[in-house]
Protein backbone atom coordinates (compact mmCIF):
# COMPACT_ATOMS: atom_id res chain seq x y z
CA MET A 1 49.56 -80.66 -78.26
CA GLU A 2 46.20 -81.30 -79.14
CA PRO A 3 43.29 -78.90 -77.68
CA GLN A 4 41.18 -81.39 -75.23
CA VAL A 5 37.98 -80.47 -74.32
CA THR A 6 36.65 -81.77 -70.67
CA ASP A 7 33.69 -80.98 -68.49
CA ARG A 8 34.33 -79.23 -65.49
CA PRO A 9 31.20 -80.18 -63.54
CA GLU A 10 32.10 -78.44 -60.23
CA LYS A 11 32.16 -75.04 -62.90
CA SER A 12 29.06 -75.93 -64.71
CA ARG A 13 31.11 -75.38 -67.92
CA TYR A 14 33.14 -77.38 -70.38
CA GLU A 15 36.60 -76.14 -71.05
CA ILE A 16 38.84 -76.31 -74.36
CA LEU A 17 42.89 -76.55 -73.05
CA ALA A 18 45.51 -75.72 -75.20
CA GLY A 19 48.95 -73.99 -75.61
CA ASP A 20 52.12 -75.47 -75.90
CA ASP A 21 51.68 -77.79 -73.00
CA GLY A 22 47.84 -78.68 -73.38
CA THR A 23 47.17 -76.99 -69.89
CA GLU A 24 46.18 -73.49 -70.61
CA THR A 25 42.15 -72.76 -70.48
CA ALA A 26 41.66 -71.29 -73.79
CA GLY A 27 37.74 -71.18 -73.55
CA PHE A 28 34.51 -72.27 -71.81
CA ALA A 29 30.94 -73.21 -72.51
CA GLU A 30 28.78 -72.40 -69.33
CA TYR A 31 25.47 -74.42 -69.01
CA HIS A 32 22.89 -75.30 -66.62
CA LEU A 33 21.79 -78.83 -65.96
CA SER A 34 18.12 -79.77 -65.21
CA GLU A 35 16.06 -82.85 -65.58
CA GLY A 36 17.70 -84.24 -68.62
CA GLU A 37 18.39 -81.18 -70.21
CA ILE A 38 21.51 -79.09 -70.83
CA ALA A 39 21.32 -75.38 -71.76
CA PHE A 40 23.97 -73.58 -72.86
CA ILE A 41 24.33 -70.03 -71.88
CA HIS A 42 27.34 -68.88 -72.60
CA THR A 43 30.60 -69.42 -74.72
CA GLU A 44 34.17 -67.66 -74.68
CA ILE A 45 37.14 -68.21 -76.01
CA ASP A 46 40.40 -66.18 -74.84
CA SER A 47 41.36 -63.39 -76.91
CA ARG A 48 44.94 -65.15 -77.28
CA PHE A 49 43.39 -68.27 -78.95
CA ALA A 50 41.16 -66.43 -81.50
CA GLY A 51 40.99 -67.55 -85.13
CA ARG A 52 42.49 -70.89 -84.29
CA GLY A 53 38.95 -72.67 -84.76
CA LEU A 54 38.89 -73.64 -80.89
CA GLY A 55 35.28 -72.60 -80.43
CA GLY A 56 34.06 -75.02 -83.16
CA LEU A 57 35.88 -77.58 -81.26
CA LEU A 58 34.45 -76.43 -78.13
CA ALA A 59 31.14 -76.38 -79.33
CA ARG A 60 31.78 -79.88 -81.09
CA GLY A 61 32.94 -81.90 -77.79
CA ALA A 62 30.36 -80.28 -75.46
CA LEU A 63 27.54 -81.33 -77.74
CA ASP A 64 29.16 -84.55 -77.93
CA GLY A 65 29.49 -85.04 -74.41
CA ALA A 66 25.71 -83.97 -74.25
CA ARG A 67 24.79 -86.77 -76.62
CA THR A 68 26.75 -89.27 -74.79
CA ARG A 69 24.97 -88.38 -71.81
CA GLY A 70 21.61 -88.36 -73.32
CA LEU A 71 20.84 -84.71 -72.62
CA ARG A 72 18.54 -82.54 -74.71
CA VAL A 73 20.44 -79.24 -75.72
CA LEU A 74 18.97 -75.76 -75.08
CA PRO A 75 21.14 -73.41 -77.28
CA TYR A 76 20.62 -70.10 -75.41
CA CYS A 77 23.85 -69.21 -76.39
CA PRO A 78 24.05 -67.39 -79.64
CA PHE A 79 27.50 -69.35 -80.21
CA ILE A 80 26.33 -72.96 -79.75
CA ARG A 81 23.07 -72.29 -81.51
CA GLY A 82 24.68 -70.81 -84.37
CA TRP A 83 27.22 -73.97 -84.49
CA ILE A 84 24.23 -76.04 -84.42
CA GLY A 85 22.78 -74.23 -87.34
CA LYS A 86 25.71 -74.47 -89.44
CA HIS A 87 26.19 -78.52 -88.35
CA PRO A 88 22.47 -80.01 -88.90
CA GLU A 89 23.67 -83.14 -87.70
CA TYR A 90 23.60 -81.97 -83.95
CA ALA A 91 19.97 -79.94 -84.26
CA ASP A 92 18.45 -83.43 -83.36
CA LEU A 93 19.97 -82.74 -79.78
CA VAL A 94 17.34 -79.94 -79.27
CA PRO A 95 14.11 -80.95 -78.54
CA GLU A 96 11.83 -80.74 -81.62
CA ALA A 97 9.15 -78.69 -80.26
CA ARG A 98 11.80 -75.95 -78.95
CA ARG A 99 13.80 -75.63 -82.17
CA ALA A 100 11.61 -73.06 -83.59
CA ARG A 101 12.46 -71.00 -80.38
CA PHE A 102 15.98 -71.30 -81.37
CA GLY A 103 15.57 -70.78 -85.12
CA LEU A 104 16.42 -74.40 -85.93
């Protein structure tokens, strides 16, 4: 099965599900929601799933979810921040006045 990114608001994180049956949590991106903003604070991929590009799929899915919901993104997490830096088409999600703070 193809990996799937899903929001788990009860856990305040996006998860990527993978594995043979597509039900194993391969990684997550923790966030904090506040007044129209989503602050990504930590991203982690299980070492069993390393090297498969799942971190990038997770970042894209989480940021696409933020865009769909009209949320401004605060990439405190170094992985999410670095991913946005490599994919400038997502930089518009970060408020312009705060991009310098994140090196974007």
